[in-house]
Amino acid sequence: MLLDVVSAEYCGDYKIKITFEDGKSGIVDFSSYLKKGGVFEKFKNIDFFKSFSIDNEVGVLTWKNEIDIAPETLYSAATKSSLPDWMQS
C-alpha cells in the first residue's frame, strides 16, 4: 500500500487536506492532538501548526522537522479506513 504523503493543504482551524501516493486524499482534523500534550503542545500556536511541510524523503507530514505523524495514521484518518494490523494493539 502506498501511504507516502505527496501533498498537503491547510484548510482552516486545525484541518489539513492530505493527498497520498496512491491518489487518495481527505481532510484530517488535528484538533484532537491539542489534548495529547507533550510535543503536540506546540500545535496550540496556530502559526506553528500552519508551518507544516512534507518530508519527501520519507513521505511524512512534518512540523519544522520536530514533529511528524506516521503516514499510516494520517491515511486512516483521511480515508476513514482501518489502521494496518501491525499498528493496532
Protein backbone atom coordinates (compact mmCIF):
# COMPACT_ATOMS: atom_id res chain seq x y z
CA MET A 1 0.00 0.00 0.00
CA LEU A 2 1.38 3.40 -0.98
CA LEU A 3 0.94 5.69 2.00
CA ASP A 4 3.51 8.41 1.40
CA VAL A 5 2.14 11.94 1.72
CA VAL A 6 2.59 13.77 -1.60
CA SER A 7 0.68 16.99 -0.93
CA ALA A 8 -0.90 18.84 1.97
CA GLU A 9 -3.06 21.95 2.03
CA TYR A 10 -4.15 23.95 5.06
CA CYS A 11 -7.97 24.13 5.25
CA GLY A 12 -8.54 26.37 8.28
CA ASP A 13 -8.66 25.73 12.01
CA TYR A 14 -6.71 22.52 12.64
CA LYS A 15 -7.60 20.83 9.35
CA ILE A 16 -5.27 19.78 6.55
CA LYS A 17 -6.22 18.13 3.27
CA ILE A 18 -3.70 15.39 2.61
CA THR A 19 -3.10 13.50 -0.62
CA PHE A 20 -1.24 10.20 -0.69
CA GLU A 21 0.91 8.44 -3.25
CA ASP A 22 -1.99 6.14 -4.23
CA GLY A 23 -4.08 9.19 -5.21
CA LYS A 24 -6.47 9.02 -2.26
CA SER A 25 -6.99 12.14 -0.18
CA GLY A 26 -9.04 13.52 2.65
CA ILE A 27 -9.18 16.16 5.34
CA VAL A 28 -7.63 15.36 8.69
CA ASP A 29 -8.76 17.33 11.74
CA PHE A 30 -5.80 17.64 14.10
CA SER A 31 -7.74 19.38 16.90
CA SER A 32 -7.66 16.19 19.00
CA TYR A 33 -3.86 16.47 19.09
CA LEU A 34 -4.23 19.62 21.21
CA LYS A 35 -5.24 17.38 24.12
CA LYS A 36 -2.31 14.97 23.75
CA GLY A 37 0.28 17.21 25.38
CA GLY A 38 4.00 16.63 25.00
CA VAL A 39 5.40 17.75 21.66
CA PHE A 40 1.86 18.42 20.44
CA GLU A 41 1.58 21.35 22.89
CA LYS A 42 3.24 23.34 20.10
CA PHE A 43 0.09 22.89 17.99
CA LYS A 44 -1.71 25.30 20.33
CA ASN A 45 0.21 28.02 18.50
CA ILE A 46 -1.77 28.08 15.24
CA ASP A 47 1.12 29.72 13.39
CA PHE A 48 3.33 26.78 14.34
CA PHE A 49 0.60 24.35 13.26
CA LYS A 50 0.29 26.05 9.88
CA SER A 51 4.07 25.78 9.33
CA PHE A 52 3.88 22.11 8.28
CA SER A 53 5.72 20.73 5.28
CA ILE A 54 6.26 17.37 3.63
CA ASP A 55 9.48 15.47 4.11
CA ASN A 56 9.59 13.96 0.63
CA GLU A 57 12.45 11.64 1.56
CA VAL A 58 10.26 9.65 3.94
CA GLY A 59 6.78 10.75 2.81
CA VAL A 60 5.59 12.26 6.09
CA LEU A 61 3.93 15.47 7.16
CA THR A 62 6.30 17.31 9.49
CA TRP A 63 6.43 20.49 11.53
CA LYS A 64 9.87 22.13 11.42
CA ASN A 65 11.47 18.67 11.45
CA GLU A 66 10.50 18.43 15.13
CA ILE A 67 7.15 16.66 14.90
CA ASP A 68 5.88 14.16 12.39
CA ILE A 69 2.95 11.78 12.27
CA ALA A 70 3.11 8.33 10.73
CA PRO A 71 1.61 8.34 7.24
CA GLU A 72 -0.40 5.22 8.16
CA THR A 73 -2.14 7.18 10.90
CA LEU A 74 -2.84 10.09 8.56
CA TYR A 75 -4.07 7.76 5.81
CA SER A 76 -6.51 6.08 8.19
CA ALA A 77 -7.88 9.44 9.35
CA ALA A 78 -8.06 10.96 5.87
CA THR A 79 -9.67 7.99 4.14
CA LYS A 80 -11.72 6.73 7.09
CA SER A 81 -10.05 3.34 6.78
CA SER A 82 -8.65 0.98 9.39
CA LEU A 83 -5.09 1.19 10.58
CA PRO A 84 -2.83 -1.60 9.33
CA ASP A 85 -3.00 -4.71 11.55
CA TRP A 86 0.59 -4.20 12.72
CA MET A 87 -0.35 -0.77 14.18
CA GLN A 88 -3.39 -1.96 16.13
CA SER A 89 -2.95 -3.19 19.64
